[in-house]
N, C-alpha and C. Protein backbone atom coordinates (compact mmCIF):
# COMPACT_ATOMS: atom_id res chain seq x y z
N MET A 1 -62.16 -107.52 -83.94
CA MET A 1 -61.39 -106.29 -84.12
C MET A 1 -59.92 -106.67 -84.40
N THR A 2 -59.30 -105.93 -85.27
CA THR A 2 -57.91 -106.15 -85.61
C THR A 2 -57.03 -105.66 -84.46
N PRO A 3 -56.11 -106.50 -84.00
CA PRO A 3 -55.21 -106.02 -82.93
C PRO A 3 -54.20 -105.01 -83.51
N PHE A 4 -54.03 -103.92 -82.82
CA PHE A 4 -53.08 -102.89 -83.23
C PHE A 4 -51.86 -103.01 -82.34
N THR A 5 -50.69 -102.93 -82.94
CA THR A 5 -49.47 -103.09 -82.16
C THR A 5 -48.63 -101.83 -82.18
N VAL A 6 -48.06 -101.56 -81.05
CA VAL A 6 -47.10 -100.47 -80.92
C VAL A 6 -45.73 -101.09 -81.17
N PRO A 7 -45.05 -100.66 -82.24
CA PRO A 7 -43.76 -101.28 -82.55
C PRO A 7 -42.67 -100.91 -81.56
N THR A 8 -41.73 -101.82 -81.42
CA THR A 8 -40.54 -101.56 -80.62
C THR A 8 -39.46 -100.99 -81.54
N ARG A 9 -38.40 -100.51 -80.95
CA ARG A 9 -37.32 -99.90 -81.73
C ARG A 9 -36.81 -100.83 -82.83
N ASP A 10 -36.63 -102.11 -82.52
CA ASP A 10 -36.07 -103.03 -83.51
C ASP A 10 -37.06 -103.41 -84.62
N GLN A 11 -38.31 -102.96 -84.50
CA GLN A 11 -39.32 -103.27 -85.51
C GLN A 11 -39.56 -102.12 -86.49
N VAL A 12 -38.84 -101.01 -86.32
CA VAL A 12 -39.08 -99.83 -87.16
C VAL A 12 -37.88 -99.56 -88.07
N SER A 13 -38.08 -98.69 -89.04
CA SER A 13 -37.02 -98.35 -89.99
C SER A 13 -35.84 -97.71 -89.28
N GLU A 14 -34.71 -97.68 -89.96
CA GLU A 14 -33.50 -97.08 -89.40
C GLU A 14 -33.74 -95.61 -89.05
N ASN A 15 -34.41 -94.90 -89.94
CA ASN A 15 -34.73 -93.49 -89.69
C ASN A 15 -35.58 -93.35 -88.42
N ASN A 16 -36.58 -94.20 -88.27
CA ASN A 16 -37.42 -94.14 -87.08
C ASN A 16 -36.67 -94.59 -85.83
N GLN A 17 -35.69 -95.48 -85.98
CA GLN A 17 -34.87 -95.86 -84.83
C GLN A 17 -34.11 -94.65 -84.29
N THR A 18 -33.61 -93.82 -85.20
CA THR A 18 -32.91 -92.59 -84.79
C THR A 18 -33.88 -91.67 -84.04
N LEU A 19 -35.12 -91.55 -84.54
CA LEU A 19 -36.12 -90.72 -83.86
C LEU A 19 -36.45 -91.31 -82.49
N PHE A 20 -36.56 -92.62 -82.39
CA PHE A 20 -36.80 -93.28 -81.10
C PHE A 20 -35.67 -92.93 -80.14
N ASP A 21 -34.42 -93.00 -80.61
CA ASP A 21 -33.27 -92.69 -79.76
C ASP A 21 -33.34 -91.24 -79.26
N ASN A 22 -33.71 -90.32 -80.15
CA ASN A 22 -33.82 -88.91 -79.76
C ASN A 22 -34.94 -88.71 -78.74
N LEU A 23 -36.07 -89.38 -78.94
CA LEU A 23 -37.17 -89.29 -77.98
C LEU A 23 -36.76 -89.88 -76.63
N GLN A 24 -36.07 -90.99 -76.67
CA GLN A 24 -35.60 -91.63 -75.45
C GLN A 24 -34.68 -90.69 -74.66
N LYS A 25 -33.78 -90.01 -75.39
CA LYS A 25 -32.86 -89.06 -74.74
C LYS A 25 -33.62 -87.87 -74.18
N GLY A 26 -34.56 -87.33 -74.96
CA GLY A 26 -35.26 -86.11 -74.56
C GLY A 26 -36.34 -86.32 -73.52
N LEU A 27 -37.09 -87.43 -73.63
CA LEU A 27 -38.23 -87.66 -72.74
C LEU A 27 -37.99 -88.73 -71.70
N GLY A 28 -36.97 -89.54 -71.93
CA GLY A 28 -36.72 -90.66 -71.03
C GLY A 28 -37.46 -91.93 -71.43
N PHE A 29 -38.33 -91.84 -72.42
CA PHE A 29 -39.03 -93.00 -72.97
C PHE A 29 -39.64 -92.59 -74.31
N VAL A 30 -40.11 -93.57 -75.06
CA VAL A 30 -40.80 -93.30 -76.32
C VAL A 30 -42.29 -93.54 -76.07
N PRO A 31 -43.09 -92.47 -76.00
CA PRO A 31 -44.52 -92.65 -75.77
C PRO A 31 -45.14 -93.56 -76.83
N ASN A 32 -46.11 -94.36 -76.42
CA ASN A 32 -46.76 -95.28 -77.35
C ASN A 32 -47.34 -94.57 -78.57
N LEU A 33 -47.85 -93.36 -78.40
CA LEU A 33 -48.39 -92.63 -79.54
C LEU A 33 -47.31 -92.39 -80.59
N TYR A 34 -46.16 -91.88 -80.16
CA TYR A 34 -45.07 -91.64 -81.12
C TYR A 34 -44.61 -92.95 -81.74
N ALA A 35 -44.49 -93.98 -80.92
CA ALA A 35 -44.06 -95.28 -81.45
C ALA A 35 -45.04 -95.79 -82.49
N TYR A 36 -46.32 -95.58 -82.26
CA TYR A 36 -47.32 -96.08 -83.22
C TYR A 36 -47.13 -95.41 -84.59
N TYR A 37 -46.83 -94.12 -84.59
CA TYR A 37 -46.59 -93.42 -85.86
C TYR A 37 -45.47 -94.11 -86.65
N ALA A 38 -44.54 -94.74 -85.97
CA ALA A 38 -43.38 -95.36 -86.62
C ALA A 38 -43.74 -96.64 -87.39
N ASN A 39 -45.01 -97.05 -87.34
CA ASN A 39 -45.46 -98.13 -88.22
C ASN A 39 -45.35 -97.70 -89.68
N ASN A 40 -45.26 -96.39 -89.89
CA ASN A 40 -45.10 -95.79 -91.21
C ASN A 40 -43.69 -95.18 -91.26
N ASP A 41 -43.00 -95.34 -92.37
CA ASP A 41 -41.60 -94.89 -92.44
C ASP A 41 -41.41 -93.39 -92.26
N THR A 42 -42.38 -92.57 -92.65
CA THR A 42 -42.20 -91.12 -92.59
C THR A 42 -43.11 -90.40 -91.60
N ALA A 43 -44.16 -91.05 -91.12
CA ALA A 43 -45.17 -90.35 -90.32
C ALA A 43 -44.63 -89.79 -89.01
N LEU A 44 -43.77 -90.54 -88.32
CA LEU A 44 -43.25 -90.04 -87.04
C LEU A 44 -42.45 -88.76 -87.25
N GLY A 45 -41.55 -88.76 -88.21
CA GLY A 45 -40.76 -87.55 -88.49
C GLY A 45 -41.64 -86.39 -88.92
N ASP A 46 -42.62 -86.67 -89.76
CA ASP A 46 -43.55 -85.63 -90.21
C ASP A 46 -44.33 -85.05 -89.04
N TYR A 47 -44.83 -85.95 -88.17
CA TYR A 47 -45.63 -85.50 -87.04
C TYR A 47 -44.79 -84.68 -86.06
N LEU A 48 -43.58 -85.14 -85.78
CA LEU A 48 -42.70 -84.38 -84.88
C LEU A 48 -42.36 -83.01 -85.46
N ALA A 49 -42.18 -82.94 -86.78
CA ALA A 49 -41.92 -81.65 -87.43
C ALA A 49 -43.13 -80.72 -87.26
N LEU A 50 -44.33 -81.27 -87.41
CA LEU A 50 -45.54 -80.47 -87.23
C LEU A 50 -45.64 -79.98 -85.79
N GLN A 51 -45.40 -80.87 -84.84
CA GLN A 51 -45.50 -80.49 -83.43
C GLN A 51 -44.45 -79.46 -83.02
N ASN A 52 -43.29 -79.55 -83.60
CA ASN A 52 -42.17 -78.70 -83.17
C ASN A 52 -41.95 -77.49 -84.07
N ARG A 53 -42.88 -77.21 -84.97
CA ARG A 53 -42.73 -76.07 -85.87
C ARG A 53 -42.76 -74.76 -85.07
N LYS A 54 -42.13 -73.74 -85.63
CA LYS A 54 -42.14 -72.42 -85.00
C LYS A 54 -43.58 -71.92 -84.97
N SER A 55 -43.97 -71.30 -83.88
CA SER A 55 -45.35 -70.87 -83.68
C SER A 55 -45.40 -69.50 -83.02
N THR A 56 -46.50 -68.80 -83.26
CA THR A 56 -46.74 -67.53 -82.57
C THR A 56 -47.33 -67.77 -81.18
N LEU A 57 -47.65 -69.02 -80.88
CA LEU A 57 -48.29 -69.35 -79.61
C LEU A 57 -47.27 -69.79 -78.57
N ARG A 58 -47.52 -69.42 -77.33
CA ARG A 58 -46.69 -69.87 -76.22
C ARG A 58 -47.04 -71.33 -75.90
N ALA A 59 -46.15 -72.00 -75.19
CA ALA A 59 -46.37 -73.40 -74.82
C ALA A 59 -47.68 -73.56 -74.04
N LYS A 60 -47.97 -72.63 -73.13
CA LYS A 60 -49.21 -72.72 -72.34
C LYS A 60 -50.43 -72.64 -73.25
N GLU A 61 -50.37 -71.79 -74.26
CA GLU A 61 -51.50 -71.67 -75.18
C GLU A 61 -51.69 -72.96 -75.98
N ARG A 62 -50.59 -73.55 -76.40
CA ARG A 62 -50.69 -74.82 -77.14
C ARG A 62 -51.28 -75.91 -76.25
N GLU A 63 -50.93 -75.90 -74.96
CA GLU A 63 -51.49 -76.90 -74.05
C GLU A 63 -52.97 -76.69 -73.82
N VAL A 64 -53.42 -75.44 -73.79
CA VAL A 64 -54.87 -75.18 -73.70
C VAL A 64 -55.57 -75.84 -74.88
N ILE A 65 -55.04 -75.63 -76.07
CA ILE A 65 -55.63 -76.21 -77.27
C ILE A 65 -55.62 -77.73 -77.18
N ASN A 66 -54.48 -78.31 -76.83
CA ASN A 66 -54.36 -79.77 -76.74
C ASN A 66 -55.35 -80.36 -75.75
N LEU A 67 -55.51 -79.73 -74.61
CA LEU A 67 -56.42 -80.23 -73.58
C LEU A 67 -57.88 -80.13 -74.02
N VAL A 68 -58.25 -79.00 -74.61
CA VAL A 68 -59.64 -78.82 -75.04
C VAL A 68 -60.00 -79.80 -76.16
N VAL A 69 -59.16 -79.88 -77.18
CA VAL A 69 -59.45 -80.75 -78.32
C VAL A 69 -59.50 -82.21 -77.86
N SER A 70 -58.58 -82.62 -77.02
CA SER A 70 -58.55 -84.00 -76.54
C SER A 70 -59.79 -84.34 -75.73
N GLN A 71 -60.31 -83.37 -75.00
CA GLN A 71 -61.54 -83.59 -74.23
C GLN A 71 -62.73 -83.70 -75.17
N VAL A 72 -62.87 -82.76 -76.08
CA VAL A 72 -64.01 -82.80 -77.01
C VAL A 72 -64.01 -84.10 -77.80
N ASN A 73 -62.83 -84.56 -78.21
CA ASN A 73 -62.72 -85.79 -78.99
C ASN A 73 -62.65 -87.05 -78.13
N ASP A 74 -62.75 -86.89 -76.81
CA ASP A 74 -62.75 -87.99 -75.86
C ASP A 74 -61.55 -88.91 -76.04
N CYS A 75 -60.37 -88.32 -76.18
CA CYS A 75 -59.15 -89.11 -76.33
C CYS A 75 -58.47 -89.22 -74.96
N ARG A 76 -58.67 -90.36 -74.32
CA ARG A 76 -58.11 -90.56 -72.99
C ARG A 76 -56.58 -90.53 -73.01
N TYR A 77 -55.96 -91.03 -74.08
CA TYR A 77 -54.51 -91.00 -74.18
C TYR A 77 -54.01 -89.56 -74.14
N CYS A 78 -54.55 -88.73 -75.02
CA CYS A 78 -54.07 -87.34 -75.12
C CYS A 78 -54.48 -86.51 -73.90
N GLN A 79 -55.64 -86.80 -73.31
CA GLN A 79 -56.01 -86.12 -72.06
C GLN A 79 -54.96 -86.40 -70.99
N SER A 80 -54.54 -87.65 -70.91
CA SER A 80 -53.56 -88.05 -69.90
C SER A 80 -52.19 -87.44 -70.18
N ALA A 81 -51.73 -87.54 -71.42
CA ALA A 81 -50.42 -86.98 -71.78
C ALA A 81 -50.40 -85.47 -71.54
N HIS A 82 -51.46 -84.78 -71.96
CA HIS A 82 -51.44 -83.32 -71.86
C HIS A 82 -51.78 -82.83 -70.45
N THR A 83 -52.32 -83.68 -69.61
CA THR A 83 -52.43 -83.32 -68.19
C THR A 83 -51.02 -83.23 -67.61
N VAL A 84 -50.18 -84.20 -67.93
CA VAL A 84 -48.78 -84.18 -67.46
C VAL A 84 -48.06 -82.96 -68.04
N ILE A 85 -48.20 -82.73 -69.34
CA ILE A 85 -47.50 -81.61 -70.00
C ILE A 85 -48.07 -80.28 -69.50
N GLY A 86 -49.38 -80.22 -69.27
CA GLY A 86 -49.98 -79.00 -68.73
C GLY A 86 -49.39 -78.64 -67.37
N LYS A 87 -49.20 -79.65 -66.52
CA LYS A 87 -48.57 -79.41 -65.20
C LYS A 87 -47.14 -78.92 -65.39
N MET A 88 -46.42 -79.49 -66.36
CA MET A 88 -45.05 -79.06 -66.64
C MET A 88 -45.02 -77.59 -67.09
N ASN A 89 -46.12 -77.13 -67.67
CA ASN A 89 -46.23 -75.75 -68.13
C ASN A 89 -46.86 -74.82 -67.10
N GLY A 90 -47.04 -75.32 -65.88
CA GLY A 90 -47.47 -74.46 -64.78
C GLY A 90 -48.94 -74.45 -64.45
N PHE A 91 -49.75 -75.28 -65.10
CA PHE A 91 -51.17 -75.33 -64.75
C PHE A 91 -51.38 -76.26 -63.55
N SER A 92 -52.32 -75.89 -62.68
CA SER A 92 -52.68 -76.74 -61.55
C SER A 92 -53.67 -77.81 -62.03
N ASP A 93 -53.89 -78.82 -61.18
CA ASP A 93 -54.87 -79.86 -61.51
C ASP A 93 -56.24 -79.24 -61.77
N GLU A 94 -56.64 -78.29 -60.94
CA GLU A 94 -57.95 -77.66 -61.08
C GLU A 94 -58.03 -76.87 -62.39
N GLN A 95 -56.97 -76.15 -62.72
CA GLN A 95 -56.95 -75.39 -63.97
C GLN A 95 -57.03 -76.32 -65.17
N ILE A 96 -56.35 -77.44 -65.12
CA ILE A 96 -56.38 -78.40 -66.23
C ILE A 96 -57.79 -78.93 -66.43
N LEU A 97 -58.47 -79.27 -65.36
CA LEU A 97 -59.85 -79.74 -65.49
C LEU A 97 -60.75 -78.66 -66.07
N GLU A 98 -60.57 -77.43 -65.64
CA GLU A 98 -61.37 -76.34 -66.17
C GLU A 98 -61.08 -76.13 -67.65
N ILE A 99 -59.81 -76.16 -68.03
CA ILE A 99 -59.44 -76.00 -69.44
C ILE A 99 -60.08 -77.11 -70.26
N ARG A 100 -60.01 -78.34 -69.79
CA ARG A 100 -60.61 -79.44 -70.53
C ARG A 100 -62.10 -79.22 -70.74
N SER A 101 -62.76 -78.51 -69.84
CA SER A 101 -64.19 -78.24 -69.98
C SER A 101 -64.46 -77.11 -70.97
N GLY A 102 -63.38 -76.47 -71.47
CA GLY A 102 -63.55 -75.42 -72.47
C GLY A 102 -63.54 -74.02 -71.92
N GLU A 103 -63.02 -73.85 -70.72
CA GLU A 103 -62.95 -72.54 -70.09
C GLU A 103 -61.63 -72.40 -69.33
N ALA A 104 -61.26 -71.14 -69.06
CA ALA A 104 -60.06 -70.87 -68.25
C ALA A 104 -60.29 -69.55 -67.51
N SER A 105 -61.22 -69.58 -66.55
CA SER A 105 -61.63 -68.36 -65.86
C SER A 105 -60.49 -67.65 -65.13
N PHE A 106 -59.40 -68.36 -64.88
CA PHE A 106 -58.25 -67.81 -64.15
C PHE A 106 -57.39 -66.90 -65.03
N ASP A 107 -57.65 -66.85 -66.35
CA ASP A 107 -56.87 -66.02 -67.27
C ASP A 107 -57.75 -65.62 -68.45
N PRO A 108 -58.11 -64.34 -68.56
CA PRO A 108 -59.06 -63.92 -69.60
C PRO A 108 -58.62 -64.26 -71.03
N LYS A 109 -57.34 -64.14 -71.32
CA LYS A 109 -56.88 -64.44 -72.69
C LYS A 109 -56.96 -65.94 -72.96
N LEU A 110 -56.52 -66.76 -72.00
CA LEU A 110 -56.61 -68.20 -72.18
C LEU A 110 -58.06 -68.67 -72.20
N ASP A 111 -58.93 -67.96 -71.46
CA ASP A 111 -60.35 -68.29 -71.46
C ASP A 111 -60.94 -68.09 -72.86
N ALA A 112 -60.60 -66.99 -73.50
CA ALA A 112 -61.09 -66.74 -74.87
C ALA A 112 -60.57 -67.82 -75.81
N LEU A 113 -59.32 -68.21 -75.63
CA LEU A 113 -58.74 -69.26 -76.46
C LEU A 113 -59.46 -70.59 -76.22
N ALA A 114 -59.63 -70.98 -74.97
CA ALA A 114 -60.29 -72.25 -74.65
C ALA A 114 -61.71 -72.28 -75.20
N ARG A 115 -62.44 -71.19 -75.04
CA ARG A 115 -63.82 -71.14 -75.53
C ARG A 115 -63.86 -71.22 -77.06
N PHE A 116 -62.93 -70.54 -77.72
CA PHE A 116 -62.88 -70.59 -79.18
C PHE A 116 -62.57 -72.00 -79.66
N VAL A 117 -61.55 -72.62 -79.08
CA VAL A 117 -61.14 -73.96 -79.50
C VAL A 117 -62.26 -74.97 -79.23
N HIS A 118 -62.93 -74.81 -78.10
CA HIS A 118 -64.06 -75.69 -77.78
C HIS A 118 -65.13 -75.57 -78.86
N SER A 119 -65.50 -74.35 -79.19
CA SER A 119 -66.52 -74.12 -80.23
C SER A 119 -66.05 -74.63 -81.58
N LEU A 120 -64.81 -74.33 -81.94
CA LEU A 120 -64.24 -74.74 -83.22
C LEU A 120 -64.27 -76.27 -83.36
N THR A 121 -63.89 -76.97 -82.30
CA THR A 121 -63.79 -78.42 -82.36
C THR A 121 -65.18 -79.06 -82.34
N LEU A 122 -66.03 -78.61 -81.43
CA LEU A 122 -67.39 -79.15 -81.38
C LEU A 122 -68.14 -78.94 -82.69
N ARG A 123 -67.92 -77.79 -83.30
CA ARG A 123 -68.68 -77.43 -84.51
C ARG A 123 -67.90 -77.74 -85.79
N ARG A 124 -66.89 -78.61 -85.67
CA ARG A 124 -66.12 -79.12 -86.80
C ARG A 124 -65.63 -78.02 -87.75
N GLY A 125 -64.92 -77.05 -87.17
CA GLY A 125 -64.27 -76.02 -87.98
C GLY A 125 -65.11 -74.79 -88.24
N LYS A 126 -66.30 -74.72 -87.66
CA LYS A 126 -67.17 -73.57 -87.87
C LYS A 126 -67.60 -73.01 -86.50
N PRO A 127 -66.67 -72.31 -85.83
CA PRO A 127 -66.97 -71.83 -84.47
C PRO A 127 -68.08 -70.78 -84.47
N GLU A 128 -68.67 -70.63 -83.32
CA GLU A 128 -69.67 -69.57 -83.15
C GLU A 128 -68.99 -68.22 -83.37
N THR A 129 -69.70 -67.32 -84.00
CA THR A 129 -69.16 -65.99 -84.30
C THR A 129 -68.69 -65.29 -83.03
N ALA A 130 -69.47 -65.41 -81.97
CA ALA A 130 -69.11 -64.76 -80.70
C ALA A 130 -67.78 -65.28 -80.17
N ALA A 131 -67.52 -66.56 -80.33
CA ALA A 131 -66.25 -67.14 -79.85
C ALA A 131 -65.08 -66.59 -80.65
N THR A 132 -65.26 -66.44 -81.95
CA THR A 132 -64.20 -65.87 -82.80
C THR A 132 -63.97 -64.41 -82.45
N GLN A 133 -65.04 -63.66 -82.27
CA GLN A 133 -64.90 -62.25 -81.90
C GLN A 133 -64.20 -62.10 -80.56
N ALA A 134 -64.54 -62.95 -79.60
CA ALA A 134 -63.92 -62.89 -78.28
C ALA A 134 -62.44 -63.24 -78.36
N LEU A 135 -62.08 -64.17 -79.24
CA LEU A 135 -60.68 -64.54 -79.42
C LEU A 135 -59.87 -63.32 -79.86
N PHE A 136 -60.37 -62.61 -80.87
CA PHE A 136 -59.66 -61.42 -81.37
C PHE A 136 -59.70 -60.28 -80.35
N ALA A 137 -60.81 -60.14 -79.64
CA ALA A 137 -60.90 -59.09 -78.61
C ALA A 137 -59.91 -59.34 -77.48
N ALA A 138 -59.56 -60.60 -77.25
CA ALA A 138 -58.60 -60.96 -76.19
C ALA A 138 -57.16 -60.70 -76.60
N GLY A 139 -56.94 -60.33 -77.86
CA GLY A 139 -55.59 -59.99 -78.29
C GLY A 139 -54.97 -60.92 -79.31
N TYR A 140 -55.68 -61.96 -79.70
CA TYR A 140 -55.15 -62.84 -80.75
C TYR A 140 -55.35 -62.20 -82.11
N ASN A 141 -54.47 -62.53 -83.05
CA ASN A 141 -54.56 -61.98 -84.41
C ASN A 141 -54.67 -63.12 -85.42
N GLU A 142 -54.68 -62.77 -86.70
CA GLU A 142 -54.87 -63.79 -87.73
C GLU A 142 -53.68 -64.74 -87.84
N ALA A 143 -52.49 -64.29 -87.56
CA ALA A 143 -51.34 -65.20 -87.54
C ALA A 143 -51.53 -66.23 -86.41
N ASN A 144 -52.01 -65.76 -85.25
CA ASN A 144 -52.30 -66.68 -84.15
C ASN A 144 -53.41 -67.66 -84.54
N LEU A 145 -54.41 -67.16 -85.24
CA LEU A 145 -55.52 -68.01 -85.67
C LEU A 145 -55.02 -69.19 -86.51
N VAL A 146 -54.12 -68.90 -87.43
CA VAL A 146 -53.55 -69.97 -88.26
C VAL A 146 -52.84 -70.99 -87.37
N ASP A 147 -52.04 -70.52 -86.42
CA ASP A 147 -51.33 -71.43 -85.52
C ASP A 147 -52.29 -72.22 -84.64
N ILE A 148 -53.35 -71.57 -84.17
CA ILE A 148 -54.36 -72.26 -83.35
C ILE A 148 -54.95 -73.43 -84.15
N ILE A 149 -55.32 -73.16 -85.38
CA ILE A 149 -55.95 -74.21 -86.20
C ILE A 149 -54.95 -75.32 -86.53
N ILE A 150 -53.68 -74.98 -86.73
CA ILE A 150 -52.67 -76.01 -86.96
C ILE A 150 -52.53 -76.91 -85.73
N VAL A 151 -52.53 -76.33 -84.53
CA VAL A 151 -52.42 -77.14 -83.32
C VAL A 151 -53.68 -78.00 -83.14
N VAL A 152 -54.84 -77.44 -83.45
CA VAL A 152 -56.08 -78.23 -83.40
C VAL A 152 -55.95 -79.43 -84.34
N GLY A 153 -55.48 -79.19 -85.57
CA GLY A 153 -55.32 -80.28 -86.53
C GLY A 153 -54.32 -81.32 -86.05
N ASP A 154 -53.22 -80.88 -85.49
CA ASP A 154 -52.20 -81.76 -84.92
C ASP A 154 -52.86 -82.68 -83.88
N LYS A 155 -53.63 -82.07 -82.98
CA LYS A 155 -54.23 -82.87 -81.91
C LYS A 155 -55.30 -83.80 -82.43
N ILE A 156 -56.06 -83.38 -83.41
CA ILE A 156 -57.08 -84.27 -84.00
C ILE A 156 -56.41 -85.51 -84.59
N ILE A 157 -55.28 -85.33 -85.25
CA ILE A 157 -54.55 -86.48 -85.81
C ILE A 157 -54.26 -87.50 -84.70
N SER A 158 -53.69 -87.04 -83.61
CA SER A 158 -53.35 -87.94 -82.51
C SER A 158 -54.60 -88.54 -81.87
N ASN A 159 -55.62 -87.72 -81.67
CA ASN A 159 -56.86 -88.22 -81.09
C ASN A 159 -57.45 -89.34 -81.93
N TYR A 160 -57.41 -89.17 -83.24
CA TYR A 160 -57.97 -90.19 -84.14
C TYR A 160 -57.12 -91.45 -84.16
N ILE A 161 -55.79 -91.28 -84.14
CA ILE A 161 -54.91 -92.45 -84.11
C ILE A 161 -55.25 -93.30 -82.88
N HIS A 162 -55.35 -92.65 -81.72
CA HIS A 162 -55.66 -93.43 -80.52
C HIS A 162 -57.10 -93.91 -80.52
N GLY A 163 -58.01 -93.12 -81.05
CA GLY A 163 -59.40 -93.53 -81.12
C GLY A 163 -59.59 -94.83 -81.88
N VAL A 164 -58.84 -95.00 -82.94
CA VAL A 164 -58.92 -96.22 -83.75
C VAL A 164 -58.19 -97.38 -83.07
N THR A 165 -57.00 -97.11 -82.57
CA THR A 165 -56.13 -98.20 -82.11
C THR A 165 -56.34 -98.61 -80.66
N GLN A 166 -56.62 -97.64 -79.79
CA GLN A 166 -56.82 -97.89 -78.35
C GLN A 166 -55.63 -98.60 -77.70
N PHE A 167 -54.39 -98.29 -78.17
CA PHE A 167 -53.22 -98.89 -77.51
C PHE A 167 -53.11 -98.35 -76.10
N ALA A 168 -52.28 -98.99 -75.29
CA ALA A 168 -52.15 -98.67 -73.88
C ALA A 168 -51.72 -97.22 -73.66
N ILE A 169 -52.30 -96.60 -72.63
CA ILE A 169 -51.93 -95.25 -72.22
C ILE A 169 -50.74 -95.37 -71.29
N ASP A 170 -49.63 -94.74 -71.66
CA ASP A 170 -48.40 -94.86 -70.88
C ASP A 170 -48.07 -93.57 -70.12
N PHE A 171 -49.11 -92.88 -69.69
CA PHE A 171 -49.01 -91.71 -68.82
C PHE A 171 -49.98 -91.96 -67.66
N PRO A 172 -49.80 -91.28 -66.52
CA PRO A 172 -50.80 -91.41 -65.45
C PRO A 172 -52.18 -91.00 -66.00
N ALA A 173 -53.19 -91.79 -65.70
CA ALA A 173 -54.53 -91.54 -66.26
C ALA A 173 -55.10 -90.21 -65.76
N ALA A 174 -55.58 -89.43 -66.70
CA ALA A 174 -56.24 -88.16 -66.35
C ALA A 174 -57.62 -88.47 -65.77
N PRO A 175 -58.08 -87.63 -64.85
CA PRO A 175 -59.43 -87.85 -64.31
C PRO A 175 -60.47 -87.71 -65.42
N VAL A 176 -61.55 -88.42 -65.29
CA VAL A 176 -62.64 -88.36 -66.26
C VAL A 176 -63.52 -87.16 -65.90
N LEU A 177 -63.86 -86.36 -66.89
CA LEU A 177 -64.78 -85.25 -66.67
C LEU A 177 -66.20 -85.72 -66.95
N GLU A 178 -67.16 -84.99 -66.40
CA GLU A 178 -68.55 -85.25 -66.75
C GLU A 178 -68.70 -85.04 -68.26
N GLU A 179 -69.74 -85.58 -68.83
CA GLU A 179 -69.96 -85.47 -70.27
C GLU A 179 -69.92 -84.00 -70.70
N MET A 180 -69.23 -83.76 -71.82
CA MET A 180 -69.09 -82.39 -72.34
C MET A 180 -70.46 -81.87 -72.78
N HIS A 181 -70.70 -80.59 -72.53
CA HIS A 181 -71.95 -79.98 -72.99
C HIS A 181 -71.71 -79.36 -74.36
N ALA A 182 -72.71 -79.43 -75.17
CA ALA A 182 -72.59 -78.90 -76.55
C ALA A 182 -72.82 -77.40 -76.59
């Protein structure tokens, strides 16, 4: 297997060094995932722009999507990172585990979102009709649907990057869930 390396600040382009500095200031460190994107001159900036774009979704809703997609795609890096971010957004450990399983019984709207995203991701972009209907019945609209799918795509990109590279996880390890049911 080809060894994959996470570049350090001095190994990346000047533009990416500026992004590293901004991440260091904002987060206190440069996560390995973001650093890996900097192997490409434009990917880190592009990815950060995608992640930070204006959205109709609240931060908690985006974290539901991130947790569900990362679980379905079995990305231990993103499960771990978004467990930390989920806690920062007010979810308990128990709620995070439930969300990762594709449900959120503690909040009917988030439950519809989690179930939709679970179906969408498992079925590779073709969710069950009932899951889509429940999403709209819970109060989401077509503008939200576009944002949901963009966040799903964002997370798939990261899940695949880590799936291929398997670089070190630099967040506290998220607990392993039992195998996902289809």
